[in-house]
Every structure is written in C-alpha cells, then in structure tokens.
Amino acid sequence: VTHSLKYFYTASSEVPNFPEFVVVSMVDGVQMVHYDSNSQRAVPKQDCINKAAEALPQYWDIETGKFLGSHQSFKANIDICKQRFNQSGGVHVFQKMYGCEWDDEAGATEGLTQYGYDGEDFIAFDLKTKSWIAPTPQSLITKLKWDSDTAYNEQEKNYLTQICIEWLKKYVDYGKSTLMRTV
C-alpha cells in the first residue's frame, strides 16, 4: 500500500470571507492538521496526530510557528507574482504543495514540492537534480535564485526523502484505525 503525507498552503488576496492564509496537512487523503490566519493556531483534526506528536512536546508550537512564518512569506510571494505578471489588484492565489509517499511493501519513496500561482504551475523542485523547474518566463528569476541556494536544496531533498518519510510512518502507525476507515 502506498501512503502519503501532503501539505497544502494557500495564500490569497482580496478573497471575501476567506482567511488570507490556510494550511492543511493530509495523510492518505485524511485531513490531520488545519491552520489559518484567522485562528493563528495549528489544530489537530484527528486524535492519532496527537499520539504521534507526543514524542515531541513542543510539536504544536513548532507547527504554528512554521505556519506563521510561511504566512508572511506567502503574502510577499503574491506581491512578487503580481509584479512579474504585470497585475495590480484583484483576487490572486499563491499555493504550495509538498510531501512524500511511501510504499510500505516495496519500501520505495517519493517526494515533491511545487508552487502555483492563480491556478497555474509556477515552480517545482526536481528531487534528482536538486534544482528547480520553471515552466514560465515569470518563474525563471525564482528558479535562478533558488538554484543558487544549494544548501537549501540539499535540505529540501533531506526533508522530502528522510524527515517527511519518518513522520509519515509515525502518522500511519498511530493512525491505522482512522486511516483504514477511509479505504
């Protein structure tokens, strides 16, 4: 069986009655954590996530801090994209999806990090080359900047191939009953 841990970050501008920034994490398609800029707290959505987090007492503070920091950088990213695409006001959305997959029989693993802007691919991480793929001229500046940060790219690869997989295995182990109900 292939298991997955995925995070979805969504920043938006000028969307009425919707938080400016939302994060959702999913294990095998089941929502585990929710964060938004209105509550400013990472909130567990399944009991099993608290069991997995017991190994790290400051887990929820770390998650909340990570999301708070991402909120600010995502707001800036919307402004950067608006400039690059020669846009002014209006509704705009900047998204990130990242995570990993693990085949519990074959032991194979995969990792992915990709960003989108206004529903289109903006930039994606190539795990094999530890570099970024820019599908548009507007994302080329970001690719060149991010490709030059080899230490960060090594860290990204380590997260996707090691740390993410370790957490996924914990979540799957602690969440067997929750996750099995959805199959």
Protein backbone atom coordinates (compact mmCIF):
# COMPACT_ATOMS: atom_id res chain seq x y z
CA VAL A 1 0.00 0.00 0.00
CA THR A 2 1.28 3.46 -0.87
CA HIS A 3 0.87 6.05 1.90
CA SER A 4 1.19 9.81 1.52
CA LEU A 5 1.81 12.87 3.68
CA LYS A 6 0.99 16.12 1.93
CA TYR A 7 0.81 19.74 2.99
CA PHE A 8 -1.23 22.33 1.12
CA TYR A 9 -0.51 26.03 1.72
CA THR A 10 -2.84 28.60 0.18
CA ALA A 11 -2.38 32.35 0.37
CA SER A 12 -4.95 34.63 -1.21
CA SER A 13 -5.52 38.31 -1.68
CA GLU A 14 -8.86 40.10 -1.81
CA VAL A 15 -10.99 36.94 -1.33
CA PRO A 16 -14.02 37.96 0.76
CA ASN A 17 -14.90 35.87 3.83
CA PHE A 18 -11.86 33.60 3.44
CA PRO A 19 -8.68 33.59 5.56
CA GLU A 20 -5.67 35.20 3.89
CA PHE A 21 -3.59 32.05 4.57
CA VAL A 22 -4.62 28.41 5.11
CA VAL A 23 -2.58 25.24 5.68
CA VAL A 24 -3.97 21.72 5.59
CA SER A 25 -1.99 18.52 6.07
CA MET A 26 -3.28 15.18 4.87
CA VAL A 27 -2.21 11.60 5.48
CA ASP A 28 -3.61 9.14 2.95
CA GLY A 29 -6.19 11.74 1.98
CA VAL A 30 -7.43 12.28 5.56
CA GLN A 31 -7.06 15.79 6.99
CA MET A 32 -4.75 15.77 10.01
CA VAL A 33 -3.95 19.43 10.71
CA HIS A 34 -5.60 22.76 9.93
CA TYR A 35 -4.17 26.25 10.30
CA ASP A 36 -5.49 29.56 9.12
CA SER A 37 -4.53 33.20 9.51
CA ASN A 38 -7.71 33.95 11.47
CA SER A 39 -7.05 31.46 14.31
CA GLN A 40 -3.22 31.57 14.01
CA ARG A 41 -3.00 28.08 15.58
CA ALA A 42 -2.21 24.67 14.14
CA VAL A 43 -5.17 22.47 15.15
CA PRO A 44 -5.26 18.65 15.11
CA LYS A 45 -8.15 17.17 13.15
CA GLN A 46 -7.61 13.53 14.19
CA ASP A 47 -6.77 12.03 17.58
CA CYS A 48 -3.92 9.98 16.13
CA ILE A 49 -1.95 13.12 15.27
CA ASN A 50 -1.70 13.95 18.99
CA LYS A 51 -0.31 10.46 19.67
CA ALA A 52 2.37 10.92 17.02
CA ALA A 53 3.19 14.40 18.38
CA GLU A 54 3.69 13.12 21.96
CA ALA A 55 7.30 12.26 21.06
CA LEU A 56 7.92 15.99 20.58
CA PRO A 57 6.19 18.02 23.35
CA GLN A 58 6.60 21.34 21.53
CA TYR A 59 5.15 19.90 18.27
CA TRP A 60 2.12 22.22 18.08
CA ASP A 61 4.16 25.33 18.89
CA ILE A 62 6.70 24.39 16.19
CA GLU A 63 3.95 23.77 13.61
CA THR A 64 2.19 27.02 14.49
CA GLY A 65 5.47 28.97 14.26
CA LYS A 66 6.28 27.40 10.91
CA PHE A 67 2.87 28.36 9.52
CA LEU A 68 3.02 31.90 10.96
CA GLY A 69 6.35 32.46 9.19
CA SER A 70 5.07 30.97 5.95
CA HIS A 71 2.05 33.30 6.04
CA GLN A 72 4.31 36.35 5.82
CA SER A 73 6.47 34.96 3.02
CA PHE A 74 3.41 33.85 1.04
CA LYS A 75 1.92 37.35 1.26
CA ALA A 76 5.19 38.67 -0.17
CA ASN A 77 5.12 35.99 -2.89
CA ILE A 78 1.71 37.16 -4.06
CA ASP A 79 3.08 40.70 -4.42
CA ILE A 80 6.15 39.41 -6.30
CA CYS A 81 3.98 37.37 -8.68
CA LYS A 82 1.62 40.28 -9.28
CA GLN A 83 4.64 42.38 -10.32
CA ARG A 84 6.08 39.66 -12.55
CA PHE A 85 2.74 39.03 -14.28
CA ASN A 86 2.13 42.81 -14.52
CA GLN A 87 -1.02 42.66 -12.42
CA SER A 88 -2.49 45.10 -9.93
CA GLY A 89 -5.35 44.38 -7.50
CA GLY A 90 -7.98 41.69 -7.65
CA VAL A 91 -8.19 38.13 -6.42
CA HIS A 92 -4.90 36.21 -6.58
CA VAL A 93 -3.83 32.88 -5.08
CA PHE A 94 -0.35 31.53 -4.35
CA GLN A 95 -0.11 27.86 -3.37
CA LYS A 96 2.45 25.31 -2.27
CA MET A 97 2.03 21.56 -2.16
CA TYR A 98 4.75 19.39 -0.74
CA GLY A 99 5.10 15.99 0.83
CA CYS A 100 6.11 12.41 0.37
CA GLU A 101 4.87 8.95 -0.49
CA TRP A 102 6.00 5.61 0.90
CA ASP A 103 5.17 2.14 -0.37
CA ASP A 104 5.04 0.02 2.79
CA GLU A 105 5.59 -3.20 0.80
CA ALA A 106 8.29 -2.25 -1.70
CA GLY A 107 9.86 0.41 0.54
CA ALA A 108 10.00 2.89 -2.34
CA THR A 109 9.69 6.58 -1.51
CA GLU A 110 8.88 9.75 -3.47
CA GLY A 111 8.92 13.41 -2.58
CA LEU A 112 7.51 16.53 -4.18
CA THR A 113 7.46 20.29 -3.72
CA GLN A 114 5.61 22.53 -6.15
CA TYR A 115 4.18 26.02 -6.20
CA GLY A 116 1.32 27.50 -8.16
CA TYR A 117 0.03 30.98 -8.87
CA ASP A 118 -3.55 31.71 -9.89
CA GLY A 119 -4.19 28.05 -10.69
CA GLU A 120 -1.12 27.55 -12.89
CA ASP A 121 2.19 25.81 -12.16
CA PHE A 122 4.78 28.36 -11.01
CA ILE A 123 7.86 26.35 -9.95
CA ALA A 124 8.66 22.78 -8.86
CA PHE A 125 11.57 21.04 -7.15
CA ASP A 126 13.41 18.30 -9.06
CA LEU A 127 14.47 15.83 -6.38
CA LYS A 128 17.01 14.04 -8.59
CA THR A 129 18.94 17.16 -9.67
CA LYS A 130 18.20 19.20 -6.52
CA SER A 131 17.20 22.11 -8.73
CA TRP A 132 14.02 23.96 -9.65
CA ILE A 133 11.90 23.68 -12.79
CA ALA A 134 10.44 26.96 -14.09
CA PRO A 135 7.54 26.42 -16.53
CA THR A 136 7.00 30.15 -17.21
CA PRO A 137 9.26 33.11 -18.01
CA GLN A 138 7.92 34.80 -14.85
CA SER A 139 9.25 31.97 -12.65
CA LEU A 140 12.72 31.91 -14.21
CA ILE A 141 14.04 34.60 -11.82
CA THR A 142 12.89 32.47 -8.87
CA LYS A 143 14.50 29.35 -10.38
CA LEU A 144 17.86 31.08 -10.78
CA LYS A 145 17.71 32.48 -7.25
CA TRP A 146 16.64 29.18 -5.66
CA ASP A 147 19.04 27.04 -7.71
CA SER A 148 21.93 29.10 -6.34
CA ASP A 149 20.98 28.18 -2.75
CA THR A 150 22.48 24.70 -2.84
CA ALA A 151 22.37 24.31 0.96
CA TYR A 152 18.61 24.91 0.97
CA ASN A 153 18.11 22.49 -1.92
CA GLU A 154 20.06 19.82 -0.06
CA GLN A 155 17.87 20.49 2.99
CA GLU A 156 14.74 20.23 0.81
CA LYS A 157 15.89 16.85 -0.52
CA ASN A 158 16.69 15.65 3.01
CA TYR A 159 13.26 16.72 4.24
CA LEU A 160 11.40 15.03 1.38
CA THR A 161 13.40 11.78 1.43
CA GLN A 162 14.08 11.37 5.16
CA ILE A 163 12.18 13.56 7.64
CA CYS A 164 8.87 13.54 5.78
CA ILE A 165 9.05 9.74 5.42
CA GLU A 166 9.80 9.31 9.16
CA TRP A 167 6.76 11.41 10.11
CA LEU A 168 4.59 9.65 7.53
CA LYS A 169 5.49 6.27 9.06
CA LYS A 170 4.62 7.60 12.55
CA TYR A 171 1.30 9.01 11.38
CA VAL A 172 0.40 5.77 9.56
CA ASP A 173 1.35 3.70 12.61
CA TYR A 174 -0.62 5.82 15.08
CA GLY A 175 -3.49 6.41 12.70
CA LYS A 176 -4.21 2.88 11.49
CA SER A 177 -7.82 2.86 12.68
CA THR A 178 -8.56 6.38 11.40
CA LEU A 179 -6.88 5.85 8.04
CA MET A 180 -8.34 2.39 7.41
CA ARG A 181 -11.91 3.71 7.73
CA THR A 182 -11.45 5.80 4.60
CA VAL A 183 -10.21 2.99 2.34
